[in-house]
Amino acid sequence: MHANLVLVLVLTASFQAAAPKSGPSQDAKPVQTNQQQKIDPEIAAKLVKVKRIYIDSFGDDKESQQLQAMVIDALVATKRFIVTENKDKADATLKGTGLEKTSQEVHATGEATSVGAASGGASATVNGGSGSASGGFIARHMGTEDSQASSVAVNDARLAVRLISADGDVLWSTTQESKGAKYKGASADVADQVVKQLIRDIDKLQPAGN
């Protein structure tokens, strides 16, 4: 009886050791979640309500004034915003810093043509015990070279802007660069990019169906 009891205890212990343990598997991988940074709800609420914008000075130099004028034109063209010169009536103020530079790109092309020709001949005459022989060889070479070099002015515009609420909060900011588009210069293109980015970001905050 004692031997049977020992045998039962040994079999039970072996079964418990072989049985899988409860709980998470060692091969199980943790579930990963994508957490995207979201704009502060208070800032988002202010940004979507912006309709009337005051454009602050981008600078006193000619390039900055030109970029500011281009941004004003792009905003007005959207028919979505009102550009005002009365800062007190504006929902937000657009401040910016612009830079435009012109550089020279040099393009060089070259072409060469070479032509060669050669000819030769020989003749001999035998008459009795005497004879004569003559021969000749002519070679000509002609070559032409044509090379051209030209320089093209390239404009590069960069514009960093931020939209400030009436109470001083930064609602939105972006930095855009352009070397010009097919039908517009660098200044006009970078101003257009800034306004399009503003509209895209505001549209992302709009409730579905609006």
C-alpha atoms as a PDB file:
ATOM      1  CA  MET A   1       0.000   0.000   0.000  1.00  0.00           C
ATOM      2  CA  HIS A   2       2.845   2.293   0.876  1.00  0.00           C
ATOM      3  CA  ALA A   3       4.575   1.561  -2.456  1.00  0.00           C
ATOM      4  CA  ASN A   4       1.369   2.299  -4.436  1.00  0.00           C
ATOM      5  CA  LEU A   5       0.979   5.656  -2.663  1.00  0.00           C
ATOM      6  CA  VAL A   6       4.543   6.661  -3.547  1.00  0.00           C
ATOM      7  CA  LEU A   7       3.953   5.685  -7.166  1.00  0.00           C
ATOM      8  CA  VAL A   8       0.806   7.831  -7.357  1.00  0.00           C
ATOM      9  CA  LEU A   9       2.622  10.830  -5.906  1.00  0.00           C
ATOM     10  CA  VAL A  10       5.482  10.470  -8.411  1.00  0.00           C
ATOM     11  CA  LEU A  11       3.097  10.231 -11.392  1.00  0.00           C
ATOM     12  CA  THR A  12       1.157  13.284 -10.187  1.00  0.00           C
ATOM     13  CA  ALA A  13       4.306  15.377  -9.838  1.00  0.00           C
ATOM     14  CA  SER A  14       5.467  14.354 -13.322  1.00  0.00           C
ATOM     15  CA  PHE A  15       2.122  15.287 -14.864  1.00  0.00           C
ATOM     16  CA  GLN A  16       2.147  18.721 -13.202  1.00  0.00           C
ATOM     17  CA  ALA A  17       5.689  19.422 -14.449  1.00  0.00           C
ATOM     18  CA  ALA A  18       4.789  18.475 -18.032  1.00  0.00           C
ATOM     19  CA  ALA A  19       1.516  20.416 -18.107  1.00  0.00           C
ATOM     20  CA  PRO A  20       1.703  23.883 -19.780  1.00  0.00           C
ATOM     21  CA  LYS A  21       1.687  26.790 -17.389  1.00  0.00           C
ATOM     22  CA  SER A  22      -1.164  29.225 -17.505  1.00  0.00           C
ATOM     23  CA  GLY A  23      -0.514  32.860 -18.335  1.00  0.00           C
ATOM     24  CA  PRO A  24       0.975  34.644 -21.357  1.00  0.00           C
ATOM     25  CA  SER A  25       3.107  32.647 -23.738  1.00  0.00           C
ATOM     26  CA  GLN A  26       6.816  33.427 -23.995  1.00  0.00           C
ATOM     27  CA  ASP A  27       6.379  33.796 -27.758  1.00  0.00           C
ATOM     28  CA  ALA A  28       3.536  36.285 -27.417  1.00  0.00           C
ATOM     29  CA  LYS A  29       4.386  39.753 -28.682  1.00  0.00           C
ATOM     30  CA  PRO A  30       3.001  42.904 -27.082  1.00  0.00           C
ATOM     31  CA  VAL A  31       0.308  44.702 -29.031  1.00  0.00           C
ATOM     32  CA  GLN A  32       1.672  47.909 -30.552  1.00  0.00           C
ATOM     33  CA  THR A  33      -0.524  50.955 -30.894  1.00  0.00           C
ATOM     34  CA  ASN A  34       0.158  53.938 -33.071  1.00  0.00           C
ATOM     35  CA  GLN A  35      -0.216  57.140 -31.123  1.00  0.00           C
ATOM     36  CA  GLN A  36      -0.195  60.201 -33.290  1.00  0.00           C
ATOM     37  CA  GLN A  37       0.405  63.617 -31.845  1.00  0.00           C
ATOM     38  CA  LYS A  38      -2.742  65.667 -32.005  1.00  0.00           C
ATOM     39  CA  ILE A  39      -3.167  69.399 -31.879  1.00  0.00           C
ATOM     40  CA  ASP A  40      -4.438  70.784 -28.611  1.00  0.00           C
ATOM     41  CA  PRO A  41      -8.258  70.907 -28.723  1.00  0.00           C
ATOM     42  CA  GLU A  42      -8.292  74.517 -27.584  1.00  0.00           C
ATOM     43  CA  ILE A  43      -5.845  75.540 -30.327  1.00  0.00           C
ATOM     44  CA  ALA A  44      -7.767  73.528 -32.917  1.00  0.00           C
ATOM     45  CA  ALA A  45     -11.024  75.232 -31.959  1.00  0.00           C
ATOM     46  CA  LYS A  46      -9.431  78.647 -32.447  1.00  0.00           C
ATOM     47  CA  LEU A  47      -7.758  77.722 -35.728  1.00  0.00           C
ATOM     48  CA  VAL A  48     -10.900  76.494 -37.481  1.00  0.00           C
ATOM     49  CA  LYS A  49     -12.670  79.751 -36.614  1.00  0.00           C
ATOM     50  CA  VAL A  50     -10.040  81.973 -38.252  1.00  0.00           C
ATOM     51  CA  LYS A  51     -11.595  83.967 -41.090  1.00  0.00           C
ATOM     52  CA  ARG A  52     -10.155  87.466 -40.855  1.00  0.00           C
ATOM     53  CA  ILE A  53      -6.340  87.650 -41.003  1.00  0.00           C
ATOM     54  CA  TYR A  54      -3.989  90.572 -40.485  1.00  0.00           C
ATOM     55  CA  ILE A  55      -0.652  90.238 -42.305  1.00  0.00           C
ATOM     56  CA  ASP A  56       2.215  91.621 -40.250  1.00  0.00           C
ATOM     57  CA  SER A  57       5.347  93.002 -41.925  1.00  0.00           C
ATOM     58  CA  PHE A  58       7.757  90.345 -43.196  1.00  0.00           C
ATOM     59  CA  GLY A  59      10.619  92.868 -43.297  1.00  0.00           C
ATOM     60  CA  ASP A  60      11.703  96.157 -44.813  1.00  0.00           C
ATOM     61  CA  ASP A  61      13.817  94.804 -47.658  1.00  0.00           C
ATOM     62  CA  LYS A  62      12.436  94.463 -51.165  1.00  0.00           C
ATOM     63  CA  GLU A  63      12.393  90.654 -51.186  1.00  0.00           C
ATOM     64  CA  SER A  64      10.469  90.414 -47.901  1.00  0.00           C
ATOM     65  CA  GLN A  65       7.916  92.974 -49.042  1.00  0.00           C
ATOM     66  CA  GLN A  66       7.451  91.052 -52.265  1.00  0.00           C
ATOM     67  CA  LEU A  67       6.878  87.774 -50.415  1.00  0.00           C
ATOM     68  CA  GLN A  68       4.350  89.493 -48.131  1.00  0.00           C
ATOM     69  CA  ALA A  69       2.442  90.832 -51.133  1.00  0.00           C
ATOM     70  CA  MET A  70       2.415  87.372 -52.711  1.00  0.00           C
ATOM     71  CA  VAL A  71       0.976  85.821 -49.539  1.00  0.00           C
ATOM     72  CA  ILE A  72      -1.765  88.468 -49.417  1.00  0.00           C
ATOM     73  CA  ASP A  73      -2.647  87.749 -53.055  1.00  0.00           C
ATOM     74  CA  ALA A  74      -2.753  83.996 -52.409  1.00  0.00           C
ATOM     75  CA  LEU A  75      -5.000  84.390 -49.344  1.00  0.00           C
ATOM     76  CA  VAL A  76      -7.419  86.705 -51.140  1.00  0.00           C
ATOM     77  CA  ALA A  77      -7.556  84.357 -54.135  1.00  0.00           C
ATOM     78  CA  THR A  78      -8.886  81.507 -51.967  1.00  0.00           C
ATOM     79  CA  LYS A  79     -12.123  83.442 -51.226  1.00  0.00           C
ATOM     80  CA  ARG A  80     -11.962  81.703 -47.863  1.00  0.00           C
ATOM     81  CA  PHE A  81     -10.213  84.327 -45.781  1.00  0.00           C
ATOM     82  CA  ILE A  82     -10.597  88.079 -45.365  1.00  0.00           C
ATOM     83  CA  VAL A  83      -7.321  89.984 -45.312  1.00  0.00           C
ATOM     84  CA  THR A  84      -7.664  93.079 -43.150  1.00  0.00           C
ATOM     85  CA  GLU A  85      -5.366  95.982 -42.398  1.00  0.00           C
ATOM     86  CA  ASN A  86      -7.100  96.578 -39.081  1.00  0.00           C
ATOM     87  CA  LYS A  87      -5.271  94.387 -36.593  1.00  0.00           C
ATOM     88  CA  ASP A  88      -7.889  94.920 -33.883  1.00  0.00           C
ATOM     89  CA  LYS A  89     -10.603  93.300 -36.026  1.00  0.00           C
ATOM     90  CA  ALA A  90      -8.512  90.288 -37.061  1.00  0.00           C
ATOM     91  CA  ASP A  91      -9.084  86.774 -35.719  1.00  0.00           C
ATOM     92  CA  ALA A  92      -5.376  86.096 -36.099  1.00  0.00           C
ATOM     93  CA  THR A  93      -2.148  87.703 -37.272  1.00  0.00           C
ATOM     94  CA  LEU A  94       0.171  86.082 -39.809  1.00  0.00           C
ATOM     95  CA  LYS A  95       3.845  86.776 -39.147  1.00  0.00           C
ATOM     96  CA  GLY A  96       6.607  85.632 -41.411  1.00  0.00           C
ATOM     97  CA  THR A  97      10.275  85.727 -42.324  1.00  0.00           C
ATOM     98  CA  GLY A  98      11.229  85.355 -45.959  1.00  0.00           C
ATOM     99  CA  LEU A  99      14.401  84.880 -47.921  1.00  0.00           C
ATOM    100  CA  GLU A 100      14.935  84.998 -51.655  1.00  0.00           C
ATOM    101  CA  LYS A 101      18.268  84.573 -53.377  1.00  0.00           C
ATOM    102  CA  THR A 102      19.409  84.401 -56.974  1.00  0.00           C
ATOM    103  CA  SER A 103      22.236  82.173 -58.166  1.00  0.00           C
ATOM    104  CA  GLN A 104      23.794  81.491 -61.538  1.00  0.00           C
ATOM    105  CA  GLU A 105      23.835  78.033 -63.079  1.00  0.00           C
ATOM    106  CA  VAL A 106      26.404  77.509 -65.856  1.00  0.00           C
ATOM    107  CA  HIS A 107      25.578  75.167 -68.726  1.00  0.00           C
ATOM    108  CA  ALA A 108      28.278  74.153 -71.231  1.00  0.00           C
ATOM    109  CA  THR A 109      27.926  72.090 -74.418  1.00  0.00           C
ATOM    110  CA  GLY A 110      30.569  70.931 -76.857  1.00  0.00           C
ATOM    111  CA  GLU A 111      30.614  69.193 -80.250  1.00  0.00           C
ATOM    112  CA  ALA A 112      33.497  68.054 -82.443  1.00  0.00           C
ATOM    113  CA  THR A 113      33.575  66.613 -85.992  1.00  0.00           C
ATOM    114  CA  SER A 114      36.562  64.939 -87.612  1.00  0.00           C
ATOM    115  CA  VAL A 115      36.884  63.755 -91.242  1.00  0.00           C
ATOM    116  CA  GLY A 116      39.886  61.925 -92.786  1.00  0.00           C
ATOM    117  CA  ALA A 117      40.604  60.742 -96.320  1.00  0.00           C
ATOM    118  CA  ALA A 118      43.535  58.989 -98.008  1.00  0.00           C
ATOM    119  CA  SER A 119      44.294  57.917-101.587  1.00  0.00           C
ATOM    120  CA  GLY A 120      47.230  56.350-103.398  1.00  0.00           C
ATOM    121  CA  GLY A 121      48.241  55.032-106.833  1.00  0.00           C
ATOM    122  CA  ALA A 122      51.134  53.430-108.743  1.00  0.00           C
ATOM    123  CA  SER A 123      52.002  52.711-112.388  1.00  0.00           C
ATOM    124  CA  ALA A 124      54.846  50.912-114.197  1.00  0.00           C
ATOM    125  CA  THR A 125      55.969  50.647-117.838  1.00  0.00           C
ATOM    126  CA  VAL A 126      58.389  48.101-119.313  1.00  0.00           C
ATOM    127  CA  ASN A 127      59.742  48.479-122.810  1.00  0.00           C
ATOM    128  CA  GLY A 128      62.443  46.077-123.927  1.00  0.00           C
ATOM    129  CA  GLY A 129      65.228  46.172-121.430  1.00  0.00           C
ATOM    130  CA  SER A 130      64.202  49.447-119.838  1.00  0.00           C
ATOM    131  CA  GLY A 131      61.284  50.502-117.691  1.00  0.00           C
ATOM    132  CA  SER A 132      59.900  53.236-115.477  1.00  0.00           C
ATOM    133  CA  ALA A 133      57.686  53.377-112.420  1.00  0.00           C
ATOM    134  CA  SER A 134      55.840  56.102-110.566  1.00  0.00           C
ATOM    135  CA  GLY A 135      53.609  56.269-107.550  1.00  0.00           C
ATOM    136  CA  GLY A 136      52.011  58.664-105.078  1.00  0.00           C
ATOM    137  CA  PHE A 137      50.029  58.873-101.781  1.00  0.00           C
ATOM    138  CA  ILE A 138      47.832  61.720-100.532  1.00  0.00           C
ATOM    139  CA  ALA A 139      46.171  62.044 -97.074  1.00  0.00           C
ATOM    140  CA  ARG A 140      43.949  64.811 -95.751  1.00  0.00           C
ATOM    141  CA  HIS A 141      42.425  65.454 -92.341  1.00  0.00           C
ATOM    142  CA  MET A 142      39.830  68.032 -91.444  1.00  0.00           C
ATOM    143  CA  GLY A 143      38.259  68.749 -88.043  1.00  0.00           C
ATOM    144  CA  THR A 144      35.865  71.272 -86.527  1.00  0.00           C
ATOM    145  CA  GLU A 145      34.994  72.018 -82.916  1.00  0.00           C
ATOM    146  CA  ASP A 146      32.024  73.933 -81.572  1.00  0.00           C
ATOM    147  CA  SER A 147      31.472  74.706 -77.876  1.00  0.00           C
ATOM    148  CA  GLN A 148      28.953  76.961 -76.152  1.00  0.00           C
ATOM    149  CA  ALA A 149      28.582  78.129 -72.553  1.00  0.00           C
ATOM    150  CA  SER A 150      25.639  79.941 -71.013  1.00  0.00           C
ATOM    151  CA  SER A 151      24.487  80.916 -67.534  1.00  0.00           C
ATOM    152  CA  VAL A 152      20.914  80.898 -66.205  1.00  0.00           C
ATOM    153  CA  ALA A 153      19.659  82.845 -63.188  1.00  0.00           C
ATOM    154  CA  VAL A 154      17.894  80.605 -60.651  1.00  0.00           C
ATOM    155  CA  ASN A 155      15.663  82.042 -57.916  1.00  0.00           C
ATOM    156  CA  ASP A 156      15.270  80.258 -54.592  1.00  0.00           C
ATOM    157  CA  ALA A 157      12.626  81.441 -52.103  1.00  0.00           C
ATOM    158  CA  ARG A 158      12.119  80.326 -48.504  1.00  0.00           C
ATOM    159  CA  LEU A 159       9.289  81.438 -46.241  1.00  0.00           C
ATOM    160  CA  ALA A 160       8.577  80.627 -42.584  1.00  0.00           C
ATOM    161  CA  VAL A 161       5.255  81.833 -41.166  1.00  0.00           C
ATOM    162  CA  ARG A 162       3.188  81.474 -38.008  1.00  0.00           C
ATOM    163  CA  LEU A 163      -0.428  82.326 -37.282  1.00  0.00           C
ATOM    164  CA  ILE A 164      -0.979  84.064 -33.922  1.00  0.00           C
ATOM    165  CA  SER A 165      -4.366  84.378 -32.233  1.00  0.00           C
ATOM    166  CA  ALA A 166      -5.613  87.648 -30.773  1.00  0.00           C
ATOM    167  CA  ASP A 167      -4.639  86.468 -27.285  1.00  0.00           C
ATOM    168  CA  GLY A 168      -1.094  85.564 -28.369  1.00  0.00           C
ATOM    169  CA  ASP A 169      -1.326  81.785 -28.920  1.00  0.00           C
ATOM    170  CA  VAL A 170       0.560  80.240 -31.850  1.00  0.00           C
ATOM    171  CA  LEU A 171      -2.195  78.481 -33.769  1.00  0.00           C
ATOM    172  CA  TRP A 172      -0.232  77.238 -36.760  1.00  0.00           C
ATOM    173  CA  SER A 173       3.185  77.431 -38.409  1.00  0.00           C
ATOM    174  CA  THR A 174       4.954  76.149 -41.508  1.00  0.00           C
ATOM    175  CA  THR A 175       8.134  76.595 -43.546  1.00  0.00           C
ATOM    176  CA  GLN A 176       8.083  76.256 -47.329  1.00  0.00           C
ATOM    177  CA  GLU A 177      10.744  76.448 -50.041  1.00  0.00           C
ATOM    178  CA  SER A 178      10.515  76.836 -53.816  1.00  0.00           C
ATOM    179  CA  LYS A 179      12.705  77.313 -56.852  1.00  0.00           C
ATOM    180  CA  GLY A 180       9.752  78.330 -58.963  1.00  0.00           C
ATOM    181  CA  ALA A 181       7.028  76.476 -60.799  1.00  0.00           C
ATOM    182  CA  LYS A 182       6.188  76.116 -64.461  1.00  0.00           C
ATOM    183  CA  TYR A 183       4.127  79.272 -64.745  1.00  0.00           C
ATOM    184  CA  LYS A 184       5.184  81.241 -61.656  1.00  0.00           C
ATOM    185  CA  GLY A 185       8.326  82.469 -59.985  1.00  0.00           C
ATOM    186  CA  ALA A 186       9.799  81.281 -56.715  1.00  0.00           C
ATOM    187  CA  SER A 187       8.152  84.010 -54.592  1.00  0.00           C
ATOM    188  CA  ALA A 188       4.662  83.418 -55.962  1.00  0.00           C
ATOM    189  CA  ASP A 189       5.050  79.645 -55.702  1.00  0.00           C
ATOM    190  CA  VAL A 190       6.278  79.608 -52.099  1.00  0.00           C
ATOM    191  CA  ALA A 191       3.455  81.983 -51.070  1.00  0.00           C
ATOM    192  CA  ASP A 192       0.954  79.677 -52.764  1.00  0.00           C
ATOM    193  CA  GLN A 193       2.426  76.671 -50.939  1.00  0.00           C
ATOM    194  CA  VAL A 194       2.039  78.395 -47.562  1.00  0.00           C
ATOM    195  CA  VAL A 195      -1.629  79.207 -48.134  1.00  0.00           C
ATOM    196  CA  LYS A 196      -2.433  75.737 -49.495  1.00  0.00           C
ATOM    197  CA  GLN A 197      -0.791  74.148 -46.440  1.00  0.00           C
ATOM    198  CA  LEU A 198      -2.868  76.353 -44.146  1.00  0.00           C
ATOM    199  CA  ILE A 199      -6.082  75.286 -45.851  1.00  0.00           C
ATOM    200  CA  ARG A 200      -5.124  71.603 -45.767  1.00  0.00           C
ATOM    201  CA  ASP A 201      -4.334  71.713 -42.055  1.00  0.00           C
ATOM    202  CA  ILE A 202      -7.568  73.537 -41.214  1.00  0.00           C
ATOM    203  CA  ASP A 203      -9.609  71.086 -43.300  1.00  0.00           C
ATOM    204  CA  LYS A 204      -8.130  68.188 -41.297  1.00  0.00           C
ATOM    205  CA  LEU A 205      -9.601  69.714 -38.146  1.00  0.00           C
ATOM    206  CA  GLN A 206     -13.077  70.220 -39.569  1.00  0.00           C
ATOM    207  CA  PRO A 207     -15.736  67.738 -38.366  1.00  0.00           C
ATOM    208  CA  ALA A 208     -16.793  65.178 -40.960  1.00  0.00           C
ATOM    209  CA  GLY A 209     -19.563  66.447 -43.195  1.00  0.00           C
ATOM    210  CA  ASN A 210     -18.637  70.124 -42.890  1.00  0.00           C
END
